[in-house]
Amino acid sequence: MDLRYTRSGSARVGGNVALGAGLLIALLMVNPQTGAYVLACLLVLTGVGLRVEAALIALHEQRGDR
């Protein structure tokens, strides 16, 4: 098993979960509460960061960098 592949895959899945949770919180807010939107924003930013990290890992895998 390639450790980089599992790290890339888990980062991608974690990013998807964080993005989905953040967007779901933002969309389902009926009463505007600042704390919920801050949490949603942090989750979305974390999700984007994890997706970028997974993409960079996959790019290094394709190039053969170690």
PDB file of N, CA and C in Angstrom:
ATOM      1  N   MET A   1       0.839  -1.169   0.000  1.00  0.00           N
ATOM      2  CA  MET A   1       0.000   0.000   0.000  1.00  0.00           C
ATOM      3  C   MET A   1       0.890   1.240   0.000  1.00  0.00           C
ATOM      4  N   ASP A   2       0.562   2.177  -0.860  1.00  0.00           N
ATOM      5  CA  ASP A   2       1.330   3.406  -0.957  1.00  0.00           C
ATOM      6  C   ASP A   2       0.805   4.420   0.057  1.00  0.00           C
ATOM      7  N   LEU A   3       1.670   4.872   0.958  1.00  0.00           N
ATOM      8  CA  LEU A   3       1.262   5.779   2.018  1.00  0.00           C
ATOM      9  C   LEU A   3       0.825   7.127   1.467  1.00  0.00           C
ATOM     10  N   ARG A   4       1.451   7.591   0.412  1.00  0.00           N
ATOM     11  CA  ARG A   4       1.057   8.871  -0.170  1.00  0.00           C
ATOM     12  C   ARG A   4      -0.354   8.808  -0.737  1.00  0.00           C
ATOM     13  N   TYR A   5      -0.690   7.677  -1.358  1.00  0.00           N
ATOM     14  CA  TYR A   5      -2.025   7.552  -1.933  1.00  0.00           C
ATOM     15  C   TYR A   5      -3.084   7.599  -0.839  1.00  0.00           C
ATOM     16  N   THR A   6      -2.844   6.903   0.259  1.00  0.00           N
ATOM     17  CA  THR A   6      -3.827   6.914   1.337  1.00  0.00           C
ATOM     18  C   THR A   6      -3.918   8.297   1.978  1.00  0.00           C
ATOM     19  N   ARG A   7      -2.811   9.009   2.063  1.00  0.00           N
ATOM     20  CA  ARG A   7      -2.842  10.363   2.632  1.00  0.00           C
ATOM     21  C   ARG A   7      -3.597  11.307   1.708  1.00  0.00           C
ATOM     22  N   SER A   8      -3.382  11.172   0.422  1.00  0.00           N
ATOM     23  CA  SER A   8      -4.071  12.011  -0.542  1.00  0.00           C
ATOM     24  C   SER A   8      -5.569  11.724  -0.527  1.00  0.00           C
ATOM     25  N   GLY A   9      -5.914  10.462  -0.479  1.00  0.00           N
ATOM     26  CA  GLY A   9      -7.326  10.087  -0.479  1.00  0.00           C
ATOM     27  C   GLY A   9      -8.039  10.523   0.783  1.00  0.00           C
ATOM     28  N   SER A  10      -7.380  10.371   1.924  1.00  0.00           N
ATOM     29  CA  SER A  10      -8.024  10.769   3.177  1.00  0.00           C
ATOM     30  C   SER A  10      -8.144  12.290   3.274  1.00  0.00           C
ATOM     31  N   ALA A  11      -7.173  13.024   2.756  1.00  0.00           N
ATOM     32  CA  ALA A  11      -7.264  14.484   2.752  1.00  0.00           C
ATOM     33  C   ALA A  11      -8.401  14.942   1.849  1.00  0.00           C
ATOM     34  N   ARG A  12      -8.568  14.267   0.725  1.00  0.00           N
ATOM     35  CA  ARG A  12      -9.643  14.612  -0.202  1.00  0.00           C
ATOM     36  C   ARG A  12     -11.014  14.351   0.436  1.00  0.00           C
ATOM     37  N   VAL A  13     -11.163  13.202   1.087  1.00  0.00           N
ATOM     38  CA  VAL A  13     -12.432  12.872   1.731  1.00  0.00           C
ATOM     39  C   VAL A  13     -12.709  13.826   2.892  1.00  0.00           C
ATOM     40  N   GLY A  14     -11.699  14.126   3.690  1.00  0.00           N
ATOM     41  CA  GLY A  14     -11.876  15.067   4.787  1.00  0.00           C
ATOM     42  C   GLY A  14     -12.268  16.455   4.289  1.00  0.00           C
ATOM     43  N   GLY A  15     -11.674  16.863   3.178  1.00  0.00           N
ATOM     44  CA  GLY A  15     -12.031  18.148   2.579  1.00  0.00           C
ATOM     45  C   GLY A  15     -13.466  18.178   2.088  1.00  0.00           C
ATOM     46  N   ASN A  16     -13.896  17.079   1.485  1.00  0.00           N
ATOM     47  CA  ASN A  16     -15.275  17.004   1.019  1.00  0.00           C
ATOM     48  C   ASN A  16     -16.265  17.069   2.178  1.00  0.00           C
ATOM     49  N   VAL A  17     -15.957  16.368   3.253  1.00  0.00           N
ATOM     50  CA  VAL A  17     -16.841  16.367   4.422  1.00  0.00           C
ATOM     51  C   VAL A  17     -16.913  17.759   5.041  1.00  0.00           C
ATOM     52  N   ALA A  18     -15.762  18.416   5.183  1.00  0.00           N
ATOM     53  CA  ALA A  18     -15.748  19.759   5.767  1.00  0.00           C
ATOM     54  C   ALA A  18     -16.485  20.758   4.881  1.00  0.00           C
ATOM     55  N   LEU A  19     -16.279  20.670   3.567  1.00  0.00           N
ATOM     56  CA  LEU A  19     -17.000  21.554   2.651  1.00  0.00           C
ATOM     57  C   LEU A  19     -18.500  21.318   2.725  1.00  0.00           C
ATOM     58  N   GLY A  20     -18.902  20.066   2.705  1.00  0.00           N
ATOM     59  CA  GLY A  20     -20.325  19.744   2.767  1.00  0.00           C
ATOM     60  C   GLY A  20     -20.972  20.212   4.061  1.00  0.00           C
ATOM     61  N   ALA A  21     -20.300  19.992   5.184  1.00  0.00           N
ATOM     62  CA  ALA A  21     -20.851  20.415   6.472  1.00  0.00           C
ATOM     63  C   ALA A  21     -20.947  21.941   6.561  1.00  0.00           C
ATOM     64  N   GLY A  22     -19.919  22.626   6.093  1.00  0.00           N
ATOM     65  CA  GLY A  22     -19.942  24.090   6.131  1.00  0.00           C
ATOM     66  C   GLY A  22     -21.026  24.680   5.253  1.00  0.00           C
ATOM     67  N   LEU A  23     -21.172  24.141   4.051  1.00  0.00           N
ATOM     68  CA  LEU A  23     -22.209  24.648   3.159  1.00  0.00           C
ATOM     69  C   LEU A  23     -23.603  24.298   3.663  1.00  0.00           C
ATOM     70  N   LEU A  24     -23.750  23.128   4.271  1.00  0.00           N
ATOM     71  CA  LEU A  24     -25.042  22.741   4.826  1.00  0.00           C
ATOM     72  C   LEU A  24     -25.434  23.647   5.990  1.00  0.00           C
ATOM     73  N   ILE A  25     -24.482  23.964   6.855  1.00  0.00           N
ATOM     74  CA  ILE A  25     -24.761  24.888   7.957  1.00  0.00           C
ATOM     75  C   ILE A  25     -25.157  26.257   7.414  1.00  0.00           C
ATOM     76  N   ALA A  26     -24.449  26.730   6.410  1.00  0.00           N
ATOM     77  CA  ALA A  26     -24.738  28.054   5.856  1.00  0.00           C
ATOM     78  C   ALA A  26     -26.106  28.092   5.168  1.00  0.00           C
ATOM     79  N   LEU A  27     -26.476  26.995   4.498  1.00  0.00           N
ATOM     80  CA  LEU A  27     -27.746  26.986   3.774  1.00  0.00           C
ATOM     81  C   LEU A  27     -28.954  26.793   4.689  1.00  0.00           C
ATOM     82  N   LEU A  28     -28.790  26.074   5.771  1.00  0.00           N
ATOM     83  CA  LEU A  28     -29.923  25.755   6.630  1.00  0.00           C
ATOM     84  C   LEU A  28     -30.155  26.747   7.758  1.00  0.00           C
ATOM     85  N   MET A  29     -29.390  27.806   7.803  1.00  0.00           N
ATOM     86  CA  MET A  29     -29.559  28.783   8.875  1.00  0.00           C
ATOM     87  C   MET A  29     -30.838  29.593   8.630  1.00  0.00           C
ATOM     88  N   VAL A  30     -31.819  29.455   9.540  1.00  0.00           N
ATOM     89  CA  VAL A  30     -33.060  30.207   9.434  1.00  0.00           C
ATOM     90  C   VAL A  30     -32.903  31.542  10.147  1.00  0.00           C
ATOM     91  N   ASN A  31     -32.440  31.494  11.385  1.00  0.00           N
ATOM     92  CA  ASN A  31     -32.177  32.718  12.139  1.00  0.00           C
ATOM     93  C   ASN A  31     -30.701  33.065  11.984  1.00  0.00           C
ATOM     94  N   PRO A  32     -30.416  34.258  11.503  1.00  0.00           N
ATOM     95  CA  PRO A  32     -29.006  34.619  11.316  1.00  0.00           C
ATOM     96  C   PRO A  32     -28.271  34.738  12.660  1.00  0.00           C
ATOM     97  N   GLN A  33     -27.396  33.803  12.900  1.00  0.00           N
ATOM     98  CA  GLN A  33     -26.562  33.833  14.099  1.00  0.00           C
ATOM     99  C   GLN A  33     -25.113  33.910  13.649  1.00  0.00           C
ATOM    100  N   THR A  34     -24.400  34.852  14.177  1.00  0.00           N
ATOM    101  CA  THR A  34     -23.028  35.090  13.748  1.00  0.00           C
ATOM    102  C   THR A  34     -22.138  33.880  14.003  1.00  0.00           C
ATOM    103  N   GLY A  35     -22.307  33.218  15.129  1.00  0.00           N
ATOM    104  CA  GLY A  35     -21.465  32.081  15.479  1.00  0.00           C
ATOM    105  C   GLY A  35     -21.585  30.935  14.499  1.00  0.00           C
ATOM    106  N   ALA A  36     -22.797  30.689  14.021  1.00  0.00           N
ATOM    107  CA  ALA A  36     -22.992  29.591  13.076  1.00  0.00           C
ATOM    108  C   ALA A  36     -22.326  29.903  11.738  1.00  0.00           C
ATOM    109  N   TYR A  37     -22.416  31.149  11.320  1.00  0.00           N
ATOM    110  CA  TYR A  37     -21.785  31.510  10.050  1.00  0.00           C
ATOM    111  C   TYR A  37     -20.261  31.489  10.153  1.00  0.00           C
ATOM    112  N   VAL A  38     -19.740  31.830  11.311  1.00  0.00           N
ATOM    113  CA  VAL A  38     -18.290  31.749  11.512  1.00  0.00           C
ATOM    114  C   VAL A  38     -17.843  30.296  11.453  1.00  0.00           C
ATOM    115  N   LEU A  39     -18.595  29.410  12.099  1.00  0.00           N
ATOM    116  CA  LEU A  39     -18.285  27.987  12.043  1.00  0.00           C
ATOM    117  C   LEU A  39     -18.367  27.466  10.616  1.00  0.00           C
ATOM    118  N   ALA A  40     -19.402  27.861   9.885  1.00  0.00           N
ATOM    119  CA  ALA A  40     -19.549  27.430   8.499  1.00  0.00           C
ATOM    120  C   ALA A  40     -18.384  27.925   7.646  1.00  0.00           C
ATOM    121  N   CYS A  41     -17.972  29.160   7.864  1.00  0.00           N
ATOM    122  CA  CYS A  41     -16.849  29.729   7.114  1.00  0.00           C
ATOM    123  C   CYS A  41     -15.556  28.977   7.413  1.00  0.00           C
ATOM    124  N   LEU A  42     -15.325  28.673   8.684  1.00  0.00           N
ATOM    125  CA  LEU A  42     -14.114  27.937   9.055  1.00  0.00           C
ATOM    126  C   LEU A  42     -14.113  26.528   8.451  1.00  0.00           C
ATOM    127  N   LEU A  43     -15.263  25.877   8.435  1.00  0.00           N
ATOM    128  CA  LEU A  43     -15.349  24.545   7.840  1.00  0.00           C
ATOM    129  C   LEU A  43     -15.085  24.588   6.334  1.00  0.00           C
ATOM    130  N   VAL A  44     -15.642  25.579   5.668  1.00  0.00           N
ATOM    131  CA  VAL A  44     -15.425  25.698   4.223  1.00  0.00           C
ATOM    132  C   VAL A  44     -13.959  25.981   3.924  1.00  0.00           C
ATOM    133  N   LEU A  45     -13.349  26.884   4.680  1.00  0.00           N
ATOM    134  CA  LEU A  45     -11.928  27.184   4.460  1.00  0.00           C
ATOM    135  C   LEU A  45     -11.048  25.966   4.741  1.00  0.00           C
ATOM    136  N   THR A  46     -11.378  25.207   5.780  1.00  0.00           N
ATOM    137  CA  THR A  46     -10.634  23.982   6.075  1.00  0.00           C
ATOM    138  C   THR A  46     -10.798  22.973   4.944  1.00  0.00           C
ATOM    139  N   GLY A  47     -12.015  22.838   4.442  1.00  0.00           N
ATOM    140  CA  GLY A  47     -12.269  21.915   3.341  1.00  0.00           C
ATOM    141  C   GLY A  47     -11.507  22.279   2.080  1.00  0.00           C
ATOM    142  N   VAL A  48     -11.474  23.569   1.770  1.00  0.00           N
ATOM    143  CA  VAL A  48     -10.723  24.014   0.593  1.00  0.00           C
ATOM    144  C   VAL A  48      -9.231  23.751   0.782  1.00  0.00           C
ATOM    145  N   GLY A  49      -8.738  24.015   1.975  1.00  0.00           N
ATOM    146  CA  GLY A  49      -7.316  23.764   2.248  1.00  0.00           C
ATOM    147  C   GLY A  49      -6.960  22.292   2.130  1.00  0.00           C
ATOM    148  N   LEU A  50      -7.818  21.422   2.634  1.00  0.00           N
ATOM    149  CA  LEU A  50      -7.550  19.990   2.517  1.00  0.00           C
ATOM    150  C   LEU A  50      -7.609  19.518   1.070  1.00  0.00           C
ATOM    151  N   ARG A  51      -8.527  20.068   0.289  1.00  0.00           N
ATOM    152  CA  ARG A  51      -8.609  19.688  -1.129  1.00  0.00           C
ATOM    153  C   ARG A  51      -7.360  20.156  -1.887  1.00  0.00           C
ATOM    154  N   VAL A  52      -6.862  21.355  -1.569  1.00  0.00           N
ATOM    155  CA  VAL A  52      -5.643  21.848  -2.214  1.00  0.00           C
ATOM    156  C   VAL A  52      -4.455  20.973  -1.827  1.00  0.00           C
ATOM    157  N   GLU A  53      -4.379  20.596  -0.550  1.00  0.00           N
ATOM    158  CA  GLU A  53      -3.294  19.722  -0.107  1.00  0.00           C
ATOM    159  C   GLU A  53      -3.341  18.375  -0.830  1.00  0.00           C
ATOM    160  N   ALA A  54      -4.531  17.814  -0.991  1.00  0.00           N
ATOM    161  CA  ALA A  54      -4.669  16.539  -1.694  1.00  0.00           C
ATOM    162  C   ALA A  54      -4.258  16.672  -3.156  1.00  0.00           C
ATOM    163  N   ALA A  55      -4.592  17.799  -3.768  1.00  0.00           N
ATOM    164  CA  ALA A  55      -4.211  18.013  -5.157  1.00  0.00           C
ATOM    165  C   ALA A  55      -2.694  18.138  -5.307  1.00  0.00           C
ATOM    166  N   LEU A  56      -2.053  18.818  -4.365  1.00  0.00           N
ATOM    167  CA  LEU A  56      -0.591  18.950  -4.420  1.00  0.00           C
ATOM    168  C   LEU A  56       0.100  17.600  -4.202  1.00  0.00           C
ATOM    169  N   ILE A  57      -0.424  16.805  -3.290  1.00  0.00           N
ATOM    170  CA  ILE A  57       0.145  15.475  -3.071  1.00  0.00           C
ATOM    171  C   ILE A  57       0.002  14.624  -4.321  1.00  0.00           C
ATOM    172  N   ALA A  58      -1.165  14.676  -4.956  1.00  0.00           N
ATOM    173  CA  ALA A  58      -1.391  13.903  -6.178  1.00  0.00           C
ATOM    174  C   ALA A  58      -0.472  14.383  -7.301  1.00  0.00           C
ATOM    175  N   LEU A  59      -0.230  15.689  -7.371  1.00  0.00           N
ATOM    176  CA  LEU A  59       0.662  16.234  -8.401  1.00  0.00           C
ATOM    177  C   LEU A  59       2.081  15.723  -8.205  1.00  0.00           C
ATOM    178  N   HIS A  60       2.547  15.706  -6.955  1.00  0.00           N
ATOM    179  CA  HIS A  60       3.890  15.193  -6.673  1.00  0.00           C
ATOM    180  C   HIS A  60       3.982  13.700  -6.959  1.00  0.00           C
ATOM    181  N   GLU A  61       2.892  12.984  -6.747  1.00  0.00           N
ATOM    182  CA  GLU A  61       2.895  11.546  -7.049  1.00  0.00           C
ATOM    183  C   GLU A  61       3.038  11.317  -8.545  1.00  0.00           C
ATOM    184  N   GLN A  62       2.343  12.125  -9.345  1.00  0.00           N
ATOM    185  CA  GLN A  62       2.415  11.946 -10.786  1.00  0.00           C
ATOM    186  C   GLN A  62       3.791  12.286 -11.332  1.00  0.00           C
ATOM    187  N   ARG A  63       4.432  13.272 -10.754  1.00  0.00           N
ATOM    188  CA  ARG A  63       5.756  13.667 -11.229  1.00  0.00           C
ATOM    189  C   ARG A  63       6.854  12.728 -10.726  1.00  0.00           C
ATOM    190  N   GLY A  64       6.540  11.954  -9.699  1.00  0.00           N
ATOM    191  CA  GLY A  64       7.532  11.036  -9.173  1.00  0.00           C
ATOM    192  C   GLY A  64       8.446  11.650  -8.152  1.00  0.00           C
ATOM    193  N   ASP A  65       8.084  12.833  -7.632  1.00  0.00           N
ATOM    194  CA  ASP A  65       8.896  13.461  -6.586  1.00  0.00           C
ATOM    195  C   ASP A  65       8.748  12.704  -5.295  1.00  0.00           C
ATOM    196  N   ARG A  66       9.806  12.689  -4.517  1.00  0.00           N
ATOM    197  CA  ARG A  66       9.749  12.011  -3.228  1.00  0.00           C
ATOM    198  C   ARG A  66      10.169  12.918  -2.137  1.00  0.00           C
TER     199      ARG A  66
END
